[in-house]
Amino acid sequence: MSLFFAELRKVWGSRVFPALLAILAAANLLLLWMGTRPTAKQPPASAYRAVGAELSDKTLEEKGTFLHDKYTEIESLVKIGQYYREQAYGGYGLTQYR
C-alpha cells in the first residue's frame, strides 16, 4: 500500500499534473457552458418553464388538448412562413409542408 501512495505522491508532485488538471477542468467547464446554451433551432429553457407553468394546473386530458392545439398552431405558422418564403423566391422554395 505504501508503494501506491509513493507513486501517487510522485505523480501529484510533478509540474505537469497540475497543468493537465487545470486544462481538463477548463475544458469541462467550457463544454458544460456550451451544452446548456440553446441552439438556433432549440427554444430557451424559459420557454419550457412557461409551458410547464401553464400545464401544472390542468388535468391529463386538458394537457393533451392544450399541447395538440399548440402543435396545430405552430404547424400552421410554419406553413404560412413556408408560403411566404416560396413567394419571395418566386415559387422555387421547398414544398415539404404542402
PDB file of N, CA and C in Angstrom:
ATOM      1  N   MET A   1       0.819  -1.184   0.000  1.00  0.00           N
ATOM      2  CA  MET A   1       0.000   0.000   0.000  1.00  0.00           C
ATOM      3  C   MET A   1       0.869   1.257   0.000  1.00  0.00           C
ATOM      4  N   SER A   2       2.023   1.169   0.648  1.00  0.00           N
ATOM      5  CA  SER A   2       2.899   2.343   0.680  1.00  0.00           C
ATOM      6  C   SER A   2       3.464   2.633  -0.712  1.00  0.00           C
ATOM      7  N   LEU A   3       3.601   1.600  -1.538  1.00  0.00           N
ATOM      8  CA  LEU A   3       4.064   1.801  -2.911  1.00  0.00           C
ATOM      9  C   LEU A   3       3.031   2.627  -3.696  1.00  0.00           C
ATOM     10  N   PHE A   4       1.745   2.339  -3.459  1.00  0.00           N
ATOM     11  CA  PHE A   4       0.684   3.097  -4.131  1.00  0.00           C
ATOM     12  C   PHE A   4       0.757   4.578  -3.757  1.00  0.00           C
ATOM     13  N   PHE A   5       0.885   4.873  -2.474  1.00  0.00           N
ATOM     14  CA  PHE A   5       0.950   6.271  -2.036  1.00  0.00           C
ATOM     15  C   PHE A   5       2.231   6.953  -2.509  1.00  0.00           C
ATOM     16  N   ALA A   6       3.312   6.203  -2.607  1.00  0.00           N
ATOM     17  CA  ALA A   6       4.564   6.785  -3.108  1.00  0.00           C
ATOM     18  C   ALA A   6       4.421   7.159  -4.578  1.00  0.00           C
ATOM     19  N   GLU A   7       3.819   6.291  -5.360  1.00  0.00           N
ATOM     20  CA  GLU A   7       3.604   6.601  -6.781  1.00  0.00           C
ATOM     21  C   GLU A   7       2.611   7.755  -6.950  1.00  0.00           C
ATOM     22  N   LEU A   8       1.578   7.779  -6.130  1.00  0.00           N
ATOM     23  CA  LEU A   8       0.608   8.871  -6.192  1.00  0.00           C
ATOM     24  C   LEU A   8       1.268  10.204  -5.844  1.00  0.00           C
ATOM     25  N   ARG A   9       2.117  10.229  -4.839  1.00  0.00           N
ATOM     26  CA  ARG A   9       2.837  11.447  -4.466  1.00  0.00           C
ATOM     27  C   ARG A   9       3.776  11.874  -5.580  1.00  0.00           C
ATOM     28  N   LYS A  10       4.375  10.908  -6.276  1.00  0.00           N
ATOM     29  CA  LYS A  10       5.292  11.221  -7.369  1.00  0.00           C
ATOM     30  C   LYS A  10       4.530  11.860  -8.528  1.00  0.00           C
ATOM     31  N   VAL A  11       3.352  11.332  -8.868  1.00  0.00           N
ATOM     32  CA  VAL A  11       2.553  11.899  -9.957  1.00  0.00           C
ATOM     33  C   VAL A  11       1.996  13.261  -9.566  1.00  0.00           C
ATOM     34  N   TRP A  12       1.450  13.365  -8.364  1.00  0.00           N
ATOM     35  CA  TRP A  12       0.844  14.608  -7.903  1.00  0.00           C
ATOM     36  C   TRP A  12       1.888  15.718  -7.750  1.00  0.00           C
ATOM     37  N   GLY A  13       3.097  15.362  -7.428  1.00  0.00           N
ATOM     38  CA  GLY A  13       4.136  16.358  -7.203  1.00  0.00           C
ATOM     39  C   GLY A  13       4.820  16.847  -8.472  1.00  0.00           C
ATOM     40  N   SER A  14       4.549  16.240  -9.600  1.00  0.00           N
ATOM     41  CA  SER A  14       5.204  16.686 -10.833  1.00  0.00           C
ATOM     42  C   SER A  14       4.623  18.018 -11.286  1.00  0.00           C
ATOM     43  N   ARG A  15       5.334  18.708 -12.152  1.00  0.00           N
ATOM     44  CA  ARG A  15       4.904  20.027 -12.640  1.00  0.00           C
ATOM     45  C   ARG A  15       3.802  19.905 -13.695  1.00  0.00           C
ATOM     46  N   VAL A  16       3.756  18.815 -14.395  1.00  0.00           N
ATOM     47  CA  VAL A  16       2.824  18.650 -15.499  1.00  0.00           C
ATOM     48  C   VAL A  16       1.412  18.336 -14.998  1.00  0.00           C
ATOM     49  N   PHE A  17       1.301  17.583 -13.915  1.00  0.00           N
ATOM     50  CA  PHE A  17      -0.007  17.132 -13.457  1.00  0.00           C
ATOM     51  C   PHE A  17      -0.955  18.275 -13.100  1.00  0.00           C
ATOM     52  N   PRO A  18      -0.559  19.283 -12.325  1.00  0.00           N
ATOM     53  CA  PRO A  18      -1.495  20.384 -12.038  1.00  0.00           C
ATOM     54  C   PRO A  18      -1.907  21.151 -13.304  1.00  0.00           C
ATOM     55  N   ALA A  19      -0.991  21.288 -14.256  1.00  0.00           N
ATOM     56  CA  ALA A  19      -1.335  21.970 -15.505  1.00  0.00           C
ATOM     57  C   ALA A  19      -2.359  21.161 -16.293  1.00  0.00           C
ATOM     58  N   LEU A  20      -2.155  19.838 -16.376  1.00  0.00           N
ATOM     59  CA  LEU A  20      -3.129  18.992 -17.068  1.00  0.00           C
ATOM     60  C   LEU A  20      -4.481  18.992 -16.354  1.00  0.00           C
ATOM     61  N   LEU A  21      -4.456  19.007 -15.044  1.00  0.00           N
ATOM     62  CA  LEU A  21      -5.693  19.046 -14.275  1.00  0.00           C
ATOM     63  C   LEU A  21      -6.437  20.361 -14.514  1.00  0.00           C
ATOM     64  N   ALA A  22      -5.709  21.477 -14.589  1.00  0.00           N
ATOM     65  CA  ALA A  22      -6.333  22.777 -14.852  1.00  0.00           C
ATOM     66  C   ALA A  22      -6.918  22.827 -16.262  1.00  0.00           C
ATOM     67  N   ILE A  23      -6.204  22.266 -17.239  1.00  0.00           N
ATOM     68  CA  ILE A  23      -6.713  22.235 -18.616  1.00  0.00           C
ATOM     69  C   ILE A  23      -7.969  21.373 -18.694  1.00  0.00           C
ATOM     70  N   LEU A  24      -7.961  20.254 -18.025  1.00  0.00           N
ATOM     71  CA  LEU A  24      -9.121  19.372 -18.011  1.00  0.00           C
ATOM     72  C   LEU A  24     -10.332  20.044 -17.355  1.00  0.00           C
ATOM     73  N   ALA A  25     -10.115  20.740 -16.252  1.00  0.00           N
ATOM     74  CA  ALA A  25     -11.213  21.444 -15.581  1.00  0.00           C
ATOM     75  C   ALA A  25     -11.756  22.567 -16.461  1.00  0.00           C
ATOM     76  N   ALA A  26     -10.873  23.307 -17.140  1.00  0.00           N
ATOM     77  CA  ALA A  26     -11.315  24.386 -18.026  1.00  0.00           C
ATOM     78  C   ALA A  26     -12.109  23.828 -19.211  1.00  0.00           C
ATOM     79  N   ALA A  27     -11.647  22.726 -19.770  1.00  0.00           N
ATOM     80  CA  ALA A  27     -12.379  22.110 -20.883  1.00  0.00           C
ATOM     81  C   ALA A  27     -13.745  21.602 -20.420  1.00  0.00           C
ATOM     82  N   ASN A  28     -13.798  21.053 -19.230  1.00  0.00           N
ATOM     83  CA  ASN A  28     -15.060  20.571 -18.685  1.00  0.00           C
ATOM     84  C   ASN A  28     -16.037  21.724 -18.496  1.00  0.00           C
ATOM     85  N   LEU A  29     -15.582  22.840 -17.938  1.00  0.00           N
ATOM     86  CA  LEU A  29     -16.456  23.997 -17.749  1.00  0.00           C
ATOM     87  C   LEU A  29     -16.901  24.580 -19.085  1.00  0.00           C
ATOM     88  N   LEU A  30     -16.008  24.615 -20.061  1.00  0.00           N
ATOM     89  CA  LEU A  30     -16.371  25.128 -21.377  1.00  0.00           C
ATOM     90  C   LEU A  30     -17.444  24.261 -22.036  1.00  0.00           C
ATOM     91  N   LEU A  31     -17.264  22.949 -21.975  1.00  0.00           N
ATOM     92  CA  LEU A  31     -18.259  22.051 -22.557  1.00  0.00           C
ATOM     93  C   LEU A  31     -19.589  22.126 -21.815  1.00  0.00           C
ATOM     94  N   LEU A  32     -19.544  22.291 -20.506  1.00  0.00           N
ATOM     95  CA  LEU A  32     -20.771  22.444 -19.739  1.00  0.00           C
ATOM     96  C   LEU A  32     -21.487  23.726 -20.127  1.00  0.00           C
ATOM     97  N   TRP A  33     -20.750  24.810 -20.301  1.00  0.00           N
ATOM     98  CA  TRP A  33     -21.348  26.093 -20.699  1.00  0.00           C
ATOM     99  C   TRP A  33     -21.920  26.014 -22.109  1.00  0.00           C
ATOM    100  N   MET A  34     -21.199  25.386 -23.024  1.00  0.00           N
ATOM    101  CA  MET A  34     -21.674  25.285 -24.404  1.00  0.00           C
ATOM    102  C   MET A  34     -22.859  24.331 -24.514  1.00  0.00           C
ATOM    103  N   GLY A  35     -22.920  23.315 -23.695  1.00  0.00           N
ATOM    104  CA  GLY A  35     -24.000  22.349 -23.764  1.00  0.00           C
ATOM    105  C   GLY A  35     -25.315  22.861 -23.226  1.00  0.00           C
ATOM    106  N   THR A  36     -25.294  23.877 -22.389  1.00  0.00           N
ATOM    107  CA  THR A  36     -26.529  24.388 -21.807  1.00  0.00           C
ATOM    108  C   THR A  36     -27.099  25.567 -22.577  1.00  0.00           C
ATOM    109  N   ARG A  37     -26.378  26.090 -23.553  1.00  0.00           N
ATOM    110  CA  ARG A  37     -26.907  27.199 -24.342  1.00  0.00           C
ATOM    111  C   ARG A  37     -27.871  26.666 -25.392  1.00  0.00           C
ATOM    112  N   PRO A  38     -28.981  27.381 -25.637  1.00  0.00           N
ATOM    113  CA  PRO A  38     -29.879  26.935 -26.709  1.00  0.00           C
ATOM    114  C   PRO A  38     -29.263  27.196 -28.073  1.00  0.00           C
ATOM    115  N   THR A  39     -29.533  26.310 -29.007  1.00  0.00           N
ATOM    116  CA  THR A  39     -29.048  26.487 -30.368  1.00  0.00           C
ATOM    117  C   THR A  39     -30.097  27.252 -31.176  1.00  0.00           C
ATOM    118  N   ALA A  40     -29.845  27.426 -32.453  1.00  0.00           N
ATOM    119  CA  ALA A  40     -30.752  28.207 -33.287  1.00  0.00           C
ATOM    120  C   ALA A  40     -32.118  27.545 -33.410  1.00  0.00           C
ATOM    121  N   LYS A  41     -32.183  26.224 -33.397  1.00  0.00           N
ATOM    122  CA  LYS A  41     -33.456  25.525 -33.573  1.00  0.00           C
ATOM    123  C   LYS A  41     -34.010  24.972 -32.266  1.00  0.00           C
ATOM    124  N   GLN A  42     -33.471  25.412 -31.160  1.00  0.00           N
ATOM    125  CA  GLN A  42     -33.910  24.914 -29.867  1.00  0.00           C
ATOM    126  C   GLN A  42     -34.422  26.085 -29.030  1.00  0.00           C
ATOM    127  N   PRO A  43     -35.600  25.966 -28.436  1.00  0.00           N
ATOM    128  CA  PRO A  43     -36.110  27.061 -27.609  1.00  0.00           C
ATOM    129  C   PRO A  43     -35.315  27.183 -26.314  1.00  0.00           C
ATOM    130  N   PRO A  44     -35.298  28.370 -25.729  1.00  0.00           N
ATOM    131  CA  PRO A  44     -34.583  28.531 -24.458  1.00  0.00           C
ATOM    132  C   PRO A  44     -35.299  27.810 -23.316  1.00  0.00           C
ATOM    133  N   ALA A  45     -34.612  27.643 -22.214  1.00  0.00           N
ATOM    134  CA  ALA A  45     -35.179  26.930 -21.067  1.00  0.00           C
ATOM    135  C   ALA A  45     -36.381  27.668 -20.500  1.00  0.00           C
ATOM    136  N   SER A  46     -36.427  28.983 -20.634  1.00  0.00           N
ATOM    137  CA  SER A  46     -37.564  29.738 -20.114  1.00  0.00           C
ATOM    138  C   SER A  46     -38.858  29.367 -20.821  1.00  0.00           C
ATOM    139  N   ALA A  47     -38.778  28.981 -22.091  1.00  0.00           N
ATOM    140  CA  ALA A  47     -39.977  28.558 -22.817  1.00  0.00           C
ATOM    141  C   ALA A  47     -40.516  27.255 -22.245  1.00  0.00           C
ATOM    142  N   TYR A  48     -39.639  26.332 -21.894  1.00  0.00           N
ATOM    143  CA  TYR A  48     -40.079  25.081 -21.285  1.00  0.00           C
ATOM    144  C   TYR A  48     -40.717  25.338 -19.920  1.00  0.00           C
ATOM    145  N   ARG A  49     -40.122  26.263 -19.155  1.00  0.00           N
ATOM    146  CA  ARG A  49     -40.694  26.591 -17.838  1.00  0.00           C
ATOM    147  C   ARG A  49     -42.062  27.242 -17.984  1.00  0.00           C
ATOM    148  N   ALA A  50     -42.240  28.099 -18.993  1.00  0.00           N
ATOM    149  CA  ALA A  50     -43.530  28.762 -19.203  1.00  0.00           C
ATOM    150  C   ALA A  50     -44.612  27.751 -19.571  1.00  0.00           C
ATOM    151  N   VAL A  51     -44.295  26.813 -20.440  1.00  0.00           N
ATOM    152  CA  VAL A  51     -45.279  25.788 -20.812  1.00  0.00           C
ATOM    153  C   VAL A  51     -45.565  24.885 -19.618  1.00  0.00           C
ATOM    154  N   GLY A  52     -44.547  24.563 -18.852  1.00  0.00           N
ATOM    155  CA  GLY A  52     -44.753  23.750 -17.651  1.00  0.00           C
ATOM    156  C   GLY A  52     -45.646  24.446 -16.647  1.00  0.00           C
ATOM    157  N   ALA A  53     -45.499  25.765 -16.510  1.00  0.00           N
ATOM    158  CA  ALA A  53     -46.362  26.514 -15.596  1.00  0.00           C
ATOM    159  C   ALA A  53     -47.806  26.518 -16.085  1.00  0.00           C
ATOM    160  N   GLU A  54     -48.002  26.605 -17.408  1.00  0.00           N
ATOM    161  CA  GLU A  54     -49.359  26.573 -17.956  1.00  0.00           C
ATOM    162  C   GLU A  54     -49.999  25.197 -17.790  1.00  0.00           C
ATOM    163  N   LEU A  55     -49.196  24.155 -17.829  1.00  0.00           N
ATOM    164  CA  LEU A  55     -49.728  22.797 -17.741  1.00  0.00           C
ATOM    165  C   LEU A  55     -49.895  22.295 -16.312  1.00  0.00           C
ATOM    166  N   SER A  56     -49.325  22.986 -15.349  1.00  0.00           N
ATOM    167  CA  SER A  56     -49.285  22.456 -13.986  1.00  0.00           C
ATOM    168  C   SER A  56     -50.659  22.304 -13.342  1.00  0.00           C
ATOM    169  N   ASP A  57     -51.616  23.157 -13.680  1.00  0.00           N
ATOM    170  CA  ASP A  57     -52.918  23.103 -13.026  1.00  0.00           C
ATOM    171  C   ASP A  57     -54.001  22.445 -13.887  1.00  0.00           C
ATOM    172  N   LYS A  58     -53.603  21.718 -14.925  1.00  0.00           N
ATOM    173  CA  LYS A  58     -54.567  21.080 -15.826  1.00  0.00           C
ATOM    174  C   LYS A  58     -54.600  19.572 -15.591  1.00  0.00           C
ATOM    175  N   THR A  59     -55.734  18.972 -15.954  1.00  0.00           N
ATOM    176  CA  THR A  59     -55.829  17.519 -15.888  1.00  0.00           C
ATOM    177  C   THR A  59     -55.091  16.923 -17.086  1.00  0.00           C
ATOM    178  N   LEU A  60     -54.950  15.608 -17.093  1.00  0.00           N
ATOM    179  CA  LEU A  60     -54.208  14.941 -18.159  1.00  0.00           C
ATOM    180  C   LEU A  60     -54.886  15.146 -19.514  1.00  0.00           C
ATOM    181  N   GLU A  61     -56.204  15.092 -19.548  1.00  0.00           N
ATOM    182  CA  GLU A  61     -56.923  15.295 -20.804  1.00  0.00           C
ATOM    183  C   GLU A  61     -56.784  16.738 -21.292  1.00  0.00           C
ATOM    184  N   GLU A  62     -56.853  17.693 -20.368  1.00  0.00           N
ATOM    185  CA  GLU A  62     -56.681  19.100 -20.736  1.00  0.00           C
ATOM    186  C   GLU A  62     -55.265  19.369 -21.239  1.00  0.00           C
ATOM    187  N   LYS A  63     -54.289  18.697 -20.631  1.00  0.00           N
ATOM    188  CA  LYS A  63     -52.909  18.848 -21.086  1.00  0.00           C
ATOM    189  C   LYS A  63     -52.757  18.363 -22.523  1.00  0.00           C
ATOM    190  N   GLY A  64     -53.362  17.200 -22.820  1.00  0.00           N
ATOM    191  CA  GLY A  64     -53.290  16.664 -24.174  1.00  0.00           C
ATOM    192  C   GLY A  64     -53.930  17.594 -25.183  1.00  0.00           C
ATOM    193  N   THR A  65     -55.089  18.130 -24.841  1.00  0.00           N
ATOM    194  CA  THR A  65     -55.778  19.056 -25.735  1.00  0.00           C
ATOM    195  C   THR A  65     -54.961  20.330 -25.931  1.00  0.00           C
ATOM    196  N   PHE A  66     -54.413  20.854 -24.840  1.00  0.00           N
ATOM    197  CA  PHE A  66     -53.607  22.073 -24.911  1.00  0.00           C
ATOM    198  C   PHE A  66     -52.391  21.872 -25.815  1.00  0.00           C
ATOM    199  N   LEU A  67     -51.667  20.765 -25.615  1.00  0.00           N
ATOM    200  CA  LEU A  67     -50.470  20.510 -26.419  1.00  0.00           C
ATOM    201  C   LEU A  67     -50.819  20.249 -27.881  1.00  0.00           C
ATOM    202  N   HIS A  68     -51.930  19.575 -28.135  1.00  0.00           N
ATOM    203  CA  HIS A  68     -52.355  19.348 -29.517  1.00  0.00           C
ATOM    204  C   HIS A  68     -52.703  20.669 -30.194  1.00  0.00           C
ATOM    205  N   ASP A  69     -53.402  21.555 -29.491  1.00  0.00           N
ATOM    206  CA  ASP A  69     -53.747  22.860 -30.049  1.00  0.00           C
ATOM    207  C   ASP A  69     -52.492  23.690 -30.327  1.00  0.00           C
ATOM    208  N   LYS A  70     -51.532  23.654 -29.409  1.00  0.00           N
ATOM    209  CA  LYS A  70     -50.272  24.384 -29.625  1.00  0.00           C
ATOM    210  C   LYS A  70     -49.521  23.832 -30.831  1.00  0.00           C
ATOM    211  N   TYR A  71     -49.503  22.510 -30.956  1.00  0.00           N
ATOM    212  CA  TYR A  71     -48.826  21.886 -32.087  1.00  0.00           C
ATOM    213  C   TYR A  71     -49.488  22.300 -33.401  1.00  0.00           C
ATOM    214  N   THR A  72     -50.818  22.306 -33.435  1.00  0.00           N
ATOM    215  CA  THR A  72     -51.547  22.719 -34.636  1.00  0.00           C
ATOM    216  C   THR A  72     -51.254  24.179 -34.967  1.00  0.00           C
ATOM    217  N   GLU A  73     -51.195  25.022 -33.951  1.00  0.00           N
ATOM    218  CA  GLU A  73     -50.903  26.442 -34.162  1.00  0.00           C
ATOM    219  C   GLU A  73     -49.506  26.636 -34.743  1.00  0.00           C
ATOM    220  N   ILE A  74     -48.536  25.949 -34.190  1.00  0.00           N
ATOM    221  CA  ILE A  74     -47.154  26.093 -34.665  1.00  0.00           C
ATOM    222  C   ILE A  74     -47.007  25.518 -36.066  1.00  0.00           C
ATOM    223  N   GLU A  75     -47.674  24.410 -36.324  1.00  0.00           N
ATOM    224  CA  GLU A  75     -47.629  23.824 -37.657  1.00  0.00           C
ATOM    225  C   GLU A  75     -48.217  24.788 -38.692  1.00  0.00           C
ATOM    226  N   SER A  76     -49.284  25.469 -38.329  1.00  0.00           N
ATOM    227  CA  SER A  76     -49.891  26.453 -39.230  1.00  0.00           C
ATOM    228  C   SER A  76     -48.947  27.623 -39.477  1.00  0.00           C
ATOM    229  N   LEU A  77     -48.270  28.077 -38.433  1.00  0.00           N
ATOM    230  CA  LEU A  77     -47.314  29.184 -38.595  1.00  0.00           C
ATOM    231  C   LEU A  77     -46.149  28.782 -39.490  1.00  0.00           C
ATOM    232  N   VAL A  78     -45.712  27.547 -39.386  1.00  0.00           N
ATOM    233  CA  VAL A  78     -44.628  27.066 -40.248  1.00  0.00           C
ATOM    234  C   VAL A  78     -45.084  27.030 -41.699  1.00  0.00           C
ATOM    235  N   LYS A  79     -46.311  26.589 -41.931  1.00  0.00           N
ATOM    236  CA  LYS A  79     -46.835  26.545 -43.301  1.00  0.00           C
ATOM    237  C   LYS A  79     -46.978  27.944 -43.887  1.00  0.00           C
ATOM    238  N   ILE A  80     -47.422  28.893 -43.083  1.00  0.00           N
ATOM    239  CA  ILE A  80     -47.543  30.274 -43.553  1.00  0.00           C
ATOM    240  C   ILE A  80     -46.164  30.836 -43.876  1.00  0.00           C
ATOM    241  N   GLY A  81     -45.190  30.565 -43.005  1.00  0.00           N
ATOM    242  CA  GLY A  81     -43.826  31.014 -43.267  1.00  0.00           C
ATOM    243  C   GLY A  81     -43.262  30.399 -44.528  1.00  0.00           C
ATOM    244  N   GLN A  82     -43.561  29.136 -44.746  1.00  0.00           N
ATOM    245  CA  GLN A  82     -43.104  28.460 -45.960  1.00  0.00           C
ATOM    246  C   GLN A  82     -43.745  29.067 -47.198  1.00  0.00           C
ATOM    247  N   TYR A  83     -45.025  29.416 -47.112  1.00  0.00           N
ATOM    248  CA  TYR A  83     -45.714  30.036 -48.237  1.00  0.00           C
ATOM    249  C   TYR A  83     -45.059  31.363 -48.610  1.00  0.00           C
ATOM    250  N   TYR A  84     -44.808  32.197 -47.599  1.00  0.00           N
ATOM    251  CA  TYR A  84     -44.179  33.490 -47.881  1.00  0.00           C
ATOM    252  C   TYR A  84     -42.750  33.326 -48.384  1.00  0.00           C
ATOM    253  N   ARG A  85     -42.059  32.306 -47.906  1.00  0.00           N
ATOM    254  CA  ARG A  85     -40.703  32.051 -48.390  1.00  0.00           C
ATOM    255  C   ARG A  85     -40.730  31.656 -49.864  1.00  0.00           C
ATOM    256  N   GLU A  86     -41.696  30.827 -50.237  1.00  0.00           N
ATOM    257  CA  GLU A  86     -41.831  30.443 -51.643  1.00  0.00           C
ATOM    258  C   GLU A  86     -42.202  31.636 -52.508  1.00  0.00           C
ATOM    259  N   GLN A  87     -43.041  32.517 -51.992  1.00  0.00           N
ATOM    260  CA  GLN A  87     -43.402  33.716 -52.745  1.00  0.00           C
ATOM    261  C   GLN A  87     -42.188  34.621 -52.945  1.00  0.00           C
ATOM    262  N   ALA A  88     -41.341  34.710 -51.924  1.00  0.00           N
ATOM    263  CA  ALA A  88     -40.151  35.556 -52.016  1.00  0.00           C
ATOM    264  C   ALA A  88     -39.156  35.012 -53.032  1.00  0.00           C
ATOM    265  N   TYR A  89     -39.088  33.688 -53.158  1.00  0.00           N
ATOM    266  CA  TYR A  89     -38.153  33.083 -54.102  1.00  0.00           C
ATOM    267  C   TYR A  89     -38.799  32.775 -55.443  1.00  0.00           C
ATOM    268  N   GLY A  90     -39.954  33.293 -55.700  1.00  0.00           N
ATOM    269  CA  GLY A  90     -40.612  33.106 -56.992  1.00  0.00           C
ATOM    270  C   GLY A  90     -41.186  31.725 -57.179  1.00  0.00           C
ATOM    271  N   GLY A  91     -41.621  31.091 -56.100  1.00  0.00           N
ATOM    272  CA  GLY A  91     -42.218  29.772 -56.222  1.00  0.00           C
ATOM    273  C   GLY A  91     -41.218  28.631 -56.290  1.00  0.00           C
ATOM    274  N   TYR A  92     -39.932  28.909 -56.068  1.00  0.00           N
ATOM    275  CA  TYR A  92     -38.906  27.868 -56.167  1.00  0.00           C
ATOM    276  C   TYR A  92     -38.436  27.422 -54.785  1.00  0.00           C
ATOM    277  N   GLY A  93     -39.226  27.602 -53.774  1.00  0.00           N
ATOM    278  CA  GLY A  93     -38.828  27.221 -52.424  1.00  0.00           C
ATOM    279  C   GLY A  93     -39.082  25.753 -52.150  1.00  0.00           C
ATOM    280  N   LEU A  94     -38.857  25.374 -50.951  1.00  0.00           N
ATOM    281  CA  LEU A  94     -39.108  23.993 -50.540  1.00  0.00           C
ATOM    282  C   LEU A  94     -40.600  23.794 -50.374  1.00  0.00           C
ATOM    283  N   THR A  95     -41.112  22.658 -50.769  1.00  0.00           N
ATOM    284  CA  THR A  95     -42.550  22.411 -50.706  1.00  0.00           C
ATOM    285  C   THR A  95     -42.872  21.227 -49.811  1.00  0.00           C
ATOM    286  N   GLN A  96     -42.129  21.005 -48.768  1.00  0.00           N
ATOM    287  CA  GLN A  96     -42.355  19.849 -47.918  1.00  0.00           C
ATOM    288  C   GLN A  96     -43.550  20.004 -46.989  1.00  0.00           C
ATOM    289  N   TYR A  97     -44.093  21.207 -46.815  1.00  0.00           N
ATOM    290  CA  TYR A  97     -45.188  21.416 -45.874  1.00  0.00           C
ATOM    291  C   TYR A  97     -46.547  21.538 -46.561  1.00  0.00           C
ATOM    292  N   ARG A  98     -46.637  21.170 -47.808  1.00  0.00           N
ATOM    293  CA  ARG A  98     -47.918  21.267 -48.504  1.00  0.00           C
ATOM    294  C   ARG A  98     -48.756  20.063 -48.267  1.00  0.00           C
TER     295      ARG A  98
END
